[in-house]
């Protein structure tokens, strides 16, 4: 099962970026700027809330204080697409 082992918010005034490391050894920067929609993810456009991203200790994925979370599989697929690799 795929897990996230590290998450860090990358400060940026224009983009919403995370540095991620996965249990399969892959890692890199993920840009979530175009992926924050709806009642759960939309509020993450507030920089202070987005900056609260952390690694959930039980589920090993990225979570935010408002209850938003993203599955490791989704984030790895997004990372690979953004890096130009096939998923």
PDB file of N, CA and C in Angstrom:
ATOM      1  N   UNK A   1       0.832  -1.174   0.000  1.00  0.00           N
ATOM      2  CA  UNK A   1       0.000   0.000   0.000  1.00  0.00           C
ATOM      3  C   UNK A   1       0.883   1.246   0.000  1.00  0.00           C
ATOM      4  N   UNK A   2       0.558   2.195  -0.841  1.00  0.00           N
ATOM      5  CA  UNK A   2       1.323   3.428  -0.985  1.00  0.00           C
ATOM      6  C   UNK A   2       1.023   4.375   0.175  1.00  0.00           C
ATOM      7  N   UNK A   3       2.088   4.963   0.739  1.00  0.00           N
ATOM      8  CA  UNK A   3       1.950   5.950   1.804  1.00  0.00           C
ATOM      9  C   UNK A   3       2.799   7.163   1.472  1.00  0.00           C
ATOM     10  N   UNK A   4       2.455   8.265   2.078  1.00  0.00           N
ATOM     11  CA  UNK A   4       3.314   9.439   2.051  1.00  0.00           C
ATOM     12  C   UNK A   4       4.145   9.392   3.327  1.00  0.00           C
ATOM     13  N   UNK A   5       5.442   9.609   3.189  1.00  0.00           N
ATOM     14  CA  UNK A   5       6.328   9.548   4.350  1.00  0.00           C
ATOM     15  C   UNK A   5       6.782  10.927   4.816  1.00  0.00           C
ATOM     16  N   UNK A   6       6.711  11.922   3.926  1.00  0.00           N
ATOM     17  CA  UNK A   6       7.085  13.292   4.287  1.00  0.00           C
ATOM     18  C   UNK A   6       6.241  14.273   3.492  1.00  0.00           C
ATOM     19  N   UNK A   7       5.866  15.375   4.134  1.00  0.00           N
ATOM     20  CA  UNK A   7       5.171  16.462   3.451  1.00  0.00           C
ATOM     21  C   UNK A   7       5.677  17.787   4.002  1.00  0.00           C
ATOM     22  N   UNK A   8       5.954  18.712   3.094  1.00  0.00           N
ATOM     23  CA  UNK A   8       6.392  20.056   3.461  1.00  0.00           C
ATOM     24  C   UNK A   8       5.705  21.045   2.529  1.00  0.00           C
ATOM     25  N   UNK A   9       5.166  22.105   3.095  1.00  0.00           N
ATOM     26  CA  UNK A   9       4.603  23.181   2.288  1.00  0.00           C
ATOM     27  C   UNK A   9       5.757  24.014   1.754  1.00  0.00           C
ATOM     28  N   UNK A  10       5.735  24.284   0.457  1.00  0.00           N
ATOM     29  CA  UNK A  10       6.753  25.127  -0.170  1.00  0.00           C
ATOM     30  C   UNK A  10       6.185  26.539  -0.268  1.00  0.00           C
ATOM     31  N   UNK A  11       6.764  27.500   0.433  1.00  0.00           N
ATOM     32  CA  UNK A  11       6.249  28.869   0.377  1.00  0.00           C
ATOM     33  C   UNK A  11       6.336  29.431  -1.045  1.00  0.00           C
ATOM     34  N   UNK A  12       5.232  29.990  -1.505  1.00  0.00           N
ATOM     35  CA  UNK A  12       5.158  30.584  -2.838  1.00  0.00           C
ATOM     36  C   UNK A  12       3.971  31.534  -2.822  1.00  0.00           C
ATOM     37  N   UNK A  13       4.120  32.702  -3.394  1.00  0.00           N
ATOM     38  CA  UNK A  13       3.045  33.688  -3.384  1.00  0.00           C
ATOM     39  C   UNK A  13       2.025  33.491  -4.494  1.00  0.00           C
ATOM     40  N   UNK A  14       2.297  32.623  -5.447  1.00  0.00           N
ATOM     41  CA  UNK A  14       1.384  32.445  -6.570  1.00  0.00           C
ATOM     42  C   UNK A  14       0.839  31.028  -6.692  1.00  0.00           C
ATOM     43  N   UNK A  15       1.568  30.042  -6.235  1.00  0.00           N
ATOM     44  CA  UNK A  15       1.184  28.639  -6.395  1.00  0.00           C
ATOM     45  C   UNK A  15       0.955  27.998  -5.023  1.00  0.00           C
ATOM     46  N   UNK A  16       0.326  26.849  -5.041  1.00  0.00           N
ATOM     47  CA  UNK A  16       0.073  26.069  -3.829  1.00  0.00           C
ATOM     48  C   UNK A  16       0.856  24.762  -3.969  1.00  0.00           C
ATOM     49  N   UNK A  17       2.027  24.731  -3.348  1.00  0.00           N
ATOM     50  CA  UNK A  17       3.002  23.679  -3.597  1.00  0.00           C
ATOM     51  C   UNK A  17       3.294  22.854  -2.353  1.00  0.00           C
ATOM     52  N   UNK A  18       3.447  21.551  -2.577  1.00  0.00           N
ATOM     53  CA  UNK A  18       3.873  20.635  -1.532  1.00  0.00           C
ATOM     54  C   UNK A  18       5.081  19.852  -2.015  1.00  0.00           C
ATOM     55  N   UNK A  19       6.025  19.613  -1.127  1.00  0.00           N
ATOM     56  CA  UNK A  19       7.119  18.679  -1.381  1.00  0.00           C
ATOM     57  C   UNK A  19       6.726  17.381  -0.693  1.00  0.00           C
ATOM     58  N   UNK A  20       6.691  16.299  -1.465  1.00  0.00           N
ATOM     59  CA  UNK A  20       6.228  15.016  -0.953  1.00  0.00           C
ATOM     60  C   UNK A  20       7.272  13.929  -1.156  1.00  0.00           C
ATOM     61  N   UNK A  21       7.300  12.995  -0.228  1.00  0.00           N
ATOM     62  CA  UNK A  21       8.088  11.783  -0.364  1.00  0.00           C
ATOM     63  C   UNK A  21       7.133  10.615  -0.139  1.00  0.00           C
ATOM     64  N   UNK A  22       7.228   9.602  -1.012  1.00  0.00           N
ATOM     65  CA  UNK A  22       6.336   8.450  -0.963  1.00  0.00           C
ATOM     66  C   UNK A  22       7.081   7.207  -0.489  1.00  0.00           C
ATOM     67  N   UNK A  23       6.322   6.245   0.011  1.00  0.00           N
ATOM     68  CA  UNK A  23       6.904   5.009   0.531  1.00  0.00           C
ATOM     69  C   UNK A  23       7.569   4.160  -0.549  1.00  0.00           C
ATOM     70  N   UNK A  24       7.276   4.426  -1.830  1.00  0.00           N
ATOM     71  CA  UNK A  24       7.902   3.673  -2.918  1.00  0.00           C
ATOM     72  C   UNK A  24       9.212   4.313  -3.379  1.00  0.00           C
ATOM     73  N   UNK A  25       9.659   5.352  -2.671  1.00  0.00           N
ATOM     74  CA  UNK A  25      10.908   6.012  -3.012  1.00  0.00           C
ATOM     75  C   UNK A  25      10.773   7.215  -3.918  1.00  0.00           C
ATOM     76  N   UNK A  26       9.628   7.393  -4.512  1.00  0.00           N
ATOM     77  CA  UNK A  26       9.423   8.556  -5.381  1.00  0.00           C
ATOM     78  C   UNK A  26       9.149   9.783  -4.543  1.00  0.00           C
ATOM     79  N   UNK A  27       9.410  10.932  -5.111  1.00  0.00           N
ATOM     80  CA  UNK A  27       9.145  12.171  -4.408  1.00  0.00           C
ATOM     81  C   UNK A  27       9.346  13.350  -5.324  1.00  0.00           C
ATOM     82  N   UNK A  28       8.903  14.497  -4.859  1.00  0.00           N
ATOM     83  CA  UNK A  28       9.065  15.714  -5.633  1.00  0.00           C
ATOM     84  C   UNK A  28       8.040  16.747  -5.237  1.00  0.00           C
ATOM     85  N   UNK A  29       7.987  17.775  -6.045  1.00  0.00           N
ATOM     86  CA  UNK A  29       7.107  18.906  -5.799  1.00  0.00           C
ATOM     87  C   UNK A  29       5.798  18.725  -6.548  1.00  0.00           C
ATOM     88  N   UNK A  30       4.675  18.930  -5.847  1.00  0.00           N
ATOM     89  CA  UNK A  30       3.337  18.839  -6.440  1.00  0.00           C
ATOM     90  C   UNK A  30       2.682  20.209  -6.359  1.00  0.00           C
ATOM     91  N   UNK A  31       2.149  20.659  -7.478  1.00  0.00           N
ATOM     92  CA  UNK A  31       1.446  21.935  -7.556  1.00  0.00           C
ATOM     93  C   UNK A  31      -0.052  21.673  -7.505  1.00  0.00           C
ATOM     94  N   UNK A  32      -0.699  22.104  -6.428  1.00  0.00           N
ATOM     95  CA  UNK A  32      -2.133  21.894  -6.245  1.00  0.00           C
ATOM     96  C   UNK A  32      -2.967  23.113  -6.639  1.00  0.00           C
ATOM     97  N   UNK A  33      -2.351  24.113  -7.237  1.00  0.00           N
ATOM     98  CA  UNK A  33      -3.031  25.361  -7.544  1.00  0.00           C
ATOM     99  C   UNK A  33      -4.326  25.156  -8.312  1.00  0.00           C
ATOM    100  N   UNK A  34      -4.341  24.263  -9.280  1.00  0.00           N
ATOM    101  CA  UNK A  34      -5.520  24.056 -10.121  1.00  0.00           C
ATOM    102  C   UNK A  34      -6.431  22.939  -9.609  1.00  0.00           C
ATOM    103  N   UNK A  35      -6.153  22.398  -8.430  1.00  0.00           N
ATOM    104  CA  UNK A  35      -6.885  21.233  -7.933  1.00  0.00           C
ATOM    105  C   UNK A  35      -7.674  21.487  -6.654  1.00  0.00           C
ATOM    106  N   UNK A  36      -7.749  22.730  -6.238  1.00  0.00           N
ATOM    107  CA  UNK A  36      -8.425  23.048  -4.974  1.00  0.00           C
ATOM    108  C   UNK A  36      -9.812  23.604  -5.257  1.00  0.00           C
ATOM    109  N   UNK A  37     -10.787  22.711  -5.388  1.00  0.00           N
ATOM    110  CA  UNK A  37     -12.153  23.104  -5.734  1.00  0.00           C
ATOM    111  C   UNK A  37     -13.141  22.541  -4.718  1.00  0.00           C
ATOM    112  N   UNK A  38     -14.301  23.156  -4.651  1.00  0.00           N
ATOM    113  CA  UNK A  38     -15.395  22.633  -3.844  1.00  0.00           C
ATOM    114  C   UNK A  38     -15.356  23.089  -2.399  1.00  0.00           C
ATOM    115  N   UNK A  39     -16.341  22.642  -1.626  1.00  0.00           N
ATOM    116  CA  UNK A  39     -16.480  23.122  -0.253  1.00  0.00           C
ATOM    117  C   UNK A  39     -15.375  22.662   0.698  1.00  0.00           C
ATOM    118  N   UNK A  40     -14.710  21.566   0.402  1.00  0.00           N
ATOM    119  CA  UNK A  40     -13.629  21.088   1.272  1.00  0.00           C
ATOM    120  C   UNK A  40     -12.278  21.647   0.850  1.00  0.00           C
ATOM    121  N   UNK A  41     -11.986  21.612  -0.457  1.00  0.00           N
ATOM    122  CA  UNK A  41     -10.664  22.031  -0.931  1.00  0.00           C
ATOM    123  C   UNK A  41     -10.571  23.511  -1.263  1.00  0.00           C
ATOM    124  N   UNK A  42     -11.670  24.149  -1.629  1.00  0.00           N
ATOM    125  CA  UNK A  42     -11.670  25.579  -1.947  1.00  0.00           C
ATOM    126  C   UNK A  42     -11.108  26.448  -0.842  1.00  0.00           C
ATOM    127  N   UNK A  43     -11.463  26.188   0.424  1.00  0.00           N
ATOM    128  CA  UNK A  43     -10.913  27.007   1.509  1.00  0.00           C
ATOM    129  C   UNK A  43      -9.389  26.948   1.625  1.00  0.00           C
ATOM    130  N   UNK A  44      -8.768  25.943   1.014  1.00  0.00           N
ATOM    131  CA  UNK A  44      -7.304  25.840   1.082  1.00  0.00           C
ATOM    132  C   UNK A  44      -6.610  26.948   0.299  1.00  0.00           C
ATOM    133  N   UNK A  45      -7.374  27.720  -0.494  1.00  0.00           N
ATOM    134  CA  UNK A  45      -6.790  28.888  -1.149  1.00  0.00           C
ATOM    135  C   UNK A  45      -6.443  29.977  -0.129  1.00  0.00           C
ATOM    136  N   UNK A  46      -6.894  29.831   1.102  1.00  0.00           N
ATOM    137  CA  UNK A  46      -6.442  30.716   2.176  1.00  0.00           C
ATOM    138  C   UNK A  46      -5.043  30.234   2.563  1.00  0.00           C
ATOM    139  N   UNK A  47      -4.070  31.066   2.340  1.00  0.00           N
ATOM    140  CA  UNK A  47      -2.670  30.659   2.534  1.00  0.00           C
ATOM    141  C   UNK A  47      -2.405  30.072   3.922  1.00  0.00           C
ATOM    142  N   UNK A  48      -3.003  30.668   4.931  1.00  0.00           N
ATOM    143  CA  UNK A  48      -2.782  30.177   6.290  1.00  0.00           C
ATOM    144  C   UNK A  48      -3.313  28.765   6.482  1.00  0.00           C
ATOM    145  N   UNK A  49      -4.456  28.466   5.887  1.00  0.00           N
ATOM    146  CA  UNK A  49      -5.020  27.127   5.994  1.00  0.00           C
ATOM    147  C   UNK A  49      -4.190  26.126   5.196  1.00  0.00           C
ATOM    148  N   UNK A  50      -3.800  26.507   3.970  1.00  0.00           N
ATOM    149  CA  UNK A  50      -2.976  25.619   3.155  1.00  0.00           C
ATOM    150  C   UNK A  50      -1.664  25.288   3.881  1.00  0.00           C
ATOM    151  N   UNK A  51      -1.106  26.279   4.554  1.00  0.00           N
ATOM    152  CA  UNK A  51       0.167  26.094   5.261  1.00  0.00           C
ATOM    153  C   UNK A  51       0.051  25.107   6.420  1.00  0.00           C
ATOM    154  N   UNK A  52      -1.179  24.759   6.805  1.00  0.00           N
ATOM    155  CA  UNK A  52      -1.382  23.802   7.875  1.00  0.00           C
ATOM    156  C   UNK A  52      -1.317  22.348   7.432  1.00  0.00           C
ATOM    157  N   UNK A  53      -0.901  22.109   6.193  1.00  0.00           N
ATOM    158  CA  UNK A  53      -0.784  20.737   5.692  1.00  0.00           C
ATOM    159  C   UNK A  53       0.165  19.940   6.579  1.00  0.00           C
ATOM    160  N   UNK A  54      -0.240  18.706   6.856  1.00  0.00           N
ATOM    161  CA  UNK A  54       0.616  17.841   7.660  1.00  0.00           C
ATOM    162  C   UNK A  54       0.396  16.388   7.266  1.00  0.00           C
ATOM    163  N   UNK A  55       1.304  15.550   7.700  1.00  0.00           N
ATOM    164  CA  UNK A  55       1.215  14.120   7.456  1.00  0.00           C
ATOM    165  C   UNK A  55       0.337  13.499   8.540  1.00  0.00           C
ATOM    166  N   UNK A  56      -0.732  12.837   8.129  1.00  0.00           N
ATOM    167  CA  UNK A  56      -1.606  12.186   9.108  1.00  0.00           C
ATOM    168  C   UNK A  56      -0.870  10.973   9.678  1.00  0.00           C
ATOM    169  N   UNK A  57      -0.781  10.849  10.999  1.00  0.00           N
ATOM    170  CA  UNK A  57       0.027   9.788  11.600  1.00  0.00           C
ATOM    171  C   UNK A  57      -0.528   8.372  11.412  1.00  0.00           C
ATOM    172  N   UNK A  58      -1.813   8.248  11.178  1.00  0.00           N
ATOM    173  CA  UNK A  58      -2.415   6.929  11.010  1.00  0.00           C
ATOM    174  C   UNK A  58      -2.627   6.572   9.536  1.00  0.00           C
ATOM    175  N   UNK A  59      -3.134   7.535   8.760  1.00  0.00           N
ATOM    176  CA  UNK A  59      -3.472   7.267   7.360  1.00  0.00           C
ATOM    177  C   UNK A  59      -2.328   7.546   6.395  1.00  0.00           C
ATOM    178  N   UNK A  60      -1.273   8.206   6.868  1.00  0.00           N
ATOM    179  CA  UNK A  60      -0.070   8.458   6.066  1.00  0.00           C
ATOM    180  C   UNK A  60      -0.384   9.161   4.750  1.00  0.00           C
ATOM    181  N   UNK A  61      -1.187  10.202   4.842  1.00  0.00           N
ATOM    182  CA  UNK A  61      -1.475  11.051   3.705  1.00  0.00           C
ATOM    183  C   UNK A  61      -1.489  12.494   4.176  1.00  0.00           C
ATOM    184  N   UNK A  62      -1.676  13.410   3.228  1.00  0.00           N
ATOM    185  CA  UNK A  62      -1.690  14.832   3.557  1.00  0.00           C
ATOM    186  C   UNK A  62      -3.076  15.213   4.061  1.00  0.00           C
ATOM    187  N   UNK A  63      -3.112  15.901   5.192  1.00  0.00           N
ATOM    188  CA  UNK A  63      -4.364  16.401   5.737  1.00  0.00           C
ATOM    189  C   UNK A  63      -4.205  17.875   6.093  1.00  0.00           C
ATOM    190  N   UNK A  64      -5.350  18.551   6.195  1.00  0.00           N
ATOM    191  CA  UNK A  64      -5.380  19.956   6.594  1.00  0.00           C
ATOM    192  C   UNK A  64      -6.317  20.119   7.775  1.00  0.00           C
ATOM    193  N   UNK A  65      -6.173  21.215   8.527  1.00  0.00           N
ATOM    194  CA  UNK A  65      -7.005  21.436   9.714  1.00  0.00           C
ATOM    195  C   UNK A  65      -8.517  21.472   9.447  1.00  0.00           C
ATOM    196  N   UNK A  66      -8.943  21.777   8.233  1.00  0.00           N
ATOM    197  CA  UNK A  66     -10.380  21.826   7.934  1.00  0.00           C
ATOM    198  C   UNK A  66     -10.953  20.450   7.585  1.00  0.00           C
ATOM    199  N   UNK A  67     -10.151  19.390   7.662  1.00  0.00           N
ATOM    200  CA  UNK A  67     -10.618  18.040   7.363  1.00  0.00           C
ATOM    201  C   UNK A  67     -10.330  17.575   5.954  1.00  0.00           C
ATOM    202  N   UNK A  68      -9.801  18.442   5.115  1.00  0.00           N
ATOM    203  CA  UNK A  68      -9.447  18.047   3.749  1.00  0.00           C
ATOM    204  C   UNK A  68      -8.284  17.063   3.793  1.00  0.00           C
ATOM    205  N   UNK A  69      -8.290  16.102   2.885  1.00  0.00           N
ATOM    206  CA  UNK A  69      -7.167  15.185   2.744  1.00  0.00           C
ATOM    207  C   UNK A  69      -7.111  14.702   1.299  1.00  0.00           C
ATOM    208  N   UNK A  70      -5.941  14.290   0.884  1.00  0.00           N
ATOM    209  CA  UNK A  70      -5.736  13.777  -0.475  1.00  0.00           C
ATOM    210  C   UNK A  70      -5.046  12.426  -0.400  1.00  0.00           C
ATOM    211  N   UNK A  71      -5.563  11.476  -1.151  1.00  0.00           N
ATOM    212  CA  UNK A  71      -5.028  10.122  -1.160  1.00  0.00           C
ATOM    213  C   UNK A  71      -3.614  10.098  -1.746  1.00  0.00           C
ATOM    214  N   UNK A  72      -2.746   9.270  -1.202  1.00  0.00           N
ATOM    215  CA  UNK A  72      -1.393   9.156  -1.741  1.00  0.00           C
ATOM    216  C   UNK A  72      -1.384   8.794  -3.229  1.00  0.00           C
ATOM    217  N   UNK A  73      -2.302   7.935  -3.655  1.00  0.00           N
ATOM    218  CA  UNK A  73      -2.350   7.521  -5.067  1.00  0.00           C
ATOM    219  C   UNK A  73      -2.656   8.705  -5.976  1.00  0.00           C
ATOM    220  N   UNK A  74      -3.577   9.555  -5.540  1.00  0.00           N
ATOM    221  CA  UNK A  74      -3.909  10.750  -6.322  1.00  0.00           C
ATOM    222  C   UNK A  74      -2.701  11.670  -6.410  1.00  0.00           C
ATOM    223  N   UNK A  75      -2.042  11.881  -5.291  1.00  0.00           N
ATOM    224  CA  UNK A  75      -0.898  12.787  -5.278  1.00  0.00           C
ATOM    225  C   UNK A  75       0.268  12.248  -6.101  1.00  0.00           C
ATOM    226  N   UNK A  76       0.514  10.947  -6.067  1.00  0.00           N
ATOM    227  CA  UNK A  76       1.578  10.370  -6.883  1.00  0.00           C
ATOM    228  C   UNK A  76       1.246  10.494  -8.362  1.00  0.00           C
ATOM    229  N   UNK A  77      -0.006  10.225  -8.731  1.00  0.00           N
ATOM    230  CA  UNK A  77      -0.424  10.381 -10.125  1.00  0.00           C
ATOM    231  C   UNK A  77      -0.241  11.828 -10.576  1.00  0.00           C
ATOM    232  N   UNK A  78      -0.638  12.772  -9.749  1.00  0.00           N
ATOM    233  CA  UNK A  78      -0.476  14.186 -10.074  1.00  0.00           C
ATOM    234  C   UNK A  78       0.999  14.547 -10.214  1.00  0.00           C
ATOM    235  N   UNK A  79       1.822  14.077  -9.300  1.00  0.00           N
ATOM    236  CA  UNK A  79       3.266  14.318  -9.371  1.00  0.00           C
ATOM    237  C   UNK A  79       3.826  13.797 -10.694  1.00  0.00           C
ATOM    238  N   UNK A  80       3.463  12.580 -11.056  1.00  0.00           N
ATOM    239  CA  UNK A  80       3.982  11.993 -12.289  1.00  0.00           C
ATOM    240  C   UNK A  80       3.505  12.755 -13.520  1.00  0.00           C
ATOM    241  N   UNK A  81       2.249  13.184 -13.530  1.00  0.00           N
ATOM    242  CA  UNK A  81       1.742  13.964 -14.662  1.00  0.00           C
ATOM    243  C   UNK A  81       2.466  15.303 -14.759  1.00  0.00           C
ATOM    244  N   UNK A  82       2.687  15.937 -13.625  1.00  0.00           N
ATOM    245  CA  UNK A  82       3.359  17.233 -13.636  1.00  0.00           C
ATOM    246  C   UNK A  82       4.830  17.113 -14.017  1.00  0.00           C
ATOM    247  N   UNK A  83       5.419  15.971 -13.761  1.00  0.00           N
ATOM    248  CA  UNK A  83       6.819  15.753 -14.141  1.00  0.00           C
ATOM    249  C   UNK A  83       6.935  15.218 -15.564  1.00  0.00           C
ATOM    250  N   UNK A  84       5.777  14.934 -16.191  1.00  0.00           N
ATOM    251  CA  UNK A  84       5.784  14.451 -17.567  1.00  0.00           C
ATOM    252  C   UNK A  84       5.977  12.960 -17.718  1.00  0.00           C
ATOM    253  N   UNK A  85       5.775  12.210 -16.637  1.00  0.00           N
ATOM    254  CA  UNK A  85       5.912  10.749 -16.690  1.00  0.00           C
ATOM    255  C   UNK A  85       4.534  10.108 -16.806  1.00  0.00           C
ATOM    256  N   UNK A  86       4.487   8.947 -17.408  1.00  0.00           N
ATOM    257  CA  UNK A  86       3.233   8.190 -17.461  1.00  0.00           C
ATOM    258  C   UNK A  86       2.904   7.696 -16.068  1.00  0.00           C
ATOM    259  N   UNK A  87       1.637   7.712 -15.749  1.00  0.00           N
ATOM    260  CA  UNK A  87       1.204   7.263 -14.417  1.00  0.00           C
ATOM    261  C   UNK A  87       1.212   5.753 -14.338  1.00  0.00           C
TER     262      UNK A  87
END
